[in-house]
Amino acid sequence: MKEGVKEGYMERFKYPNLSVHKRQHVMFNGTVFRFAEMLENNDSSVFPEVVAYLRDWYGSHVGGTDREY
């Protein structure tokens, strides 16, 4: 689900700590953009870091924080 749609529902239903949740999305986006820049510059050494980051994000945020919603 797109972040904006999800956050809209969270606002509508008074999700606690929404500002913290939104900041987590901003930080995620910044990290992903940094990875994209590195990959565009042919820095293939970043692959293990990307995989680890996304695995951790989905495990902790999508599999944890989002499930509180």
Protein backbone atom coordinates (compact mmCIF):
# COMPACT_ATOMS: atom_id res chain seq x y z
CA MET A 1 0.00 0.00 0.00
CA LYS A 2 1.33 3.43 -0.83
CA GLU A 3 2.59 5.36 2.17
CA GLY A 4 0.30 8.33 1.55
CA VAL A 5 -2.81 6.16 1.42
CA LYS A 6 -1.78 4.24 4.51
CA GLU A 7 -0.94 7.44 6.38
CA GLY A 8 -4.31 8.90 5.38
CA TYR A 9 -6.09 5.99 7.02
CA MET A 10 -3.83 6.29 10.04
CA GLU A 11 -4.78 9.96 10.41
CA ARG A 12 -8.45 9.20 9.95
CA PHE A 13 -8.43 6.55 12.67
CA LYS A 14 -6.20 8.52 15.05
CA TYR A 15 -3.19 6.19 14.91
CA PRO A 16 -0.96 6.90 17.93
CA ASN A 17 2.56 8.11 17.16
CA LEU A 18 1.73 8.95 13.56
CA SER A 19 4.41 11.65 13.39
CA VAL A 20 7.06 9.07 14.39
CA HIS A 21 5.71 6.67 11.78
CA LYS A 22 5.87 9.34 9.07
CA ARG A 23 9.46 10.19 10.03
CA GLN A 24 10.37 6.52 9.64
CA HIS A 25 9.01 6.64 6.08
CA VAL A 26 11.01 9.79 5.33
CA MET A 27 14.18 8.13 6.63
CA PHE A 28 13.42 4.98 4.60
CA ASN A 29 12.96 7.02 1.44
CA GLY A 30 16.21 8.89 2.04
CA THR A 31 18.12 5.65 2.50
CA VAL A 32 16.60 4.10 -0.62
CA PHE A 33 17.44 7.20 -2.68
CA ARG A 34 21.02 7.05 -1.39
CA PHE A 35 21.23 3.41 -2.46
CA ALA A 36 19.79 4.30 -5.88
CA GLU A 37 22.43 6.98 -6.39
CA MET A 38 25.17 4.56 -5.49
CA LEU A 39 23.80 1.95 -7.88
CA GLU A 40 23.45 4.53 -10.66
CA ASN A 41 27.15 5.24 -10.16
CA ASN A 42 27.85 1.53 -10.70
CA ASP A 43 28.77 0.94 -7.05
CA SER A 44 27.85 -2.73 -6.91
CA SER A 45 29.49 -3.06 -3.49
CA VAL A 46 26.29 -1.64 -2.02
CA PHE A 47 24.19 -4.73 -2.92
CA PRO A 48 24.72 -6.57 0.39
CA GLU A 49 23.87 -3.41 2.33
CA VAL A 50 20.69 -2.89 0.27
CA VAL A 51 19.56 -6.46 0.83
CA ALA A 52 20.27 -6.27 4.57
CA TYR A 53 18.55 -2.90 4.93
CA LEU A 54 15.41 -3.98 3.07
CA ARG A 55 15.25 -7.27 4.97
CA ASP A 56 15.49 -5.40 8.27
CA TRP A 57 12.97 -2.76 7.17
CA TYR A 58 10.38 -5.30 6.11
CA GLY A 59 10.95 -7.38 9.21
CA SER A 60 10.79 -4.53 11.70
CA HIS A 61 8.62 -1.89 10.05
CA VAL A 62 6.29 -3.73 7.71
CA GLY A 63 6.18 -6.88 9.84
CA GLY A 64 6.10 -5.01 13.14
CA THR A 65 5.26 -1.32 13.26
CA ASP A 66 2.71 -1.49 10.44
CA ARG A 67 0.94 -4.41 12.08
CA GLU A 68 0.22 -2.23 15.11
CA TYR A 69 -2.08 -0.30 12.78
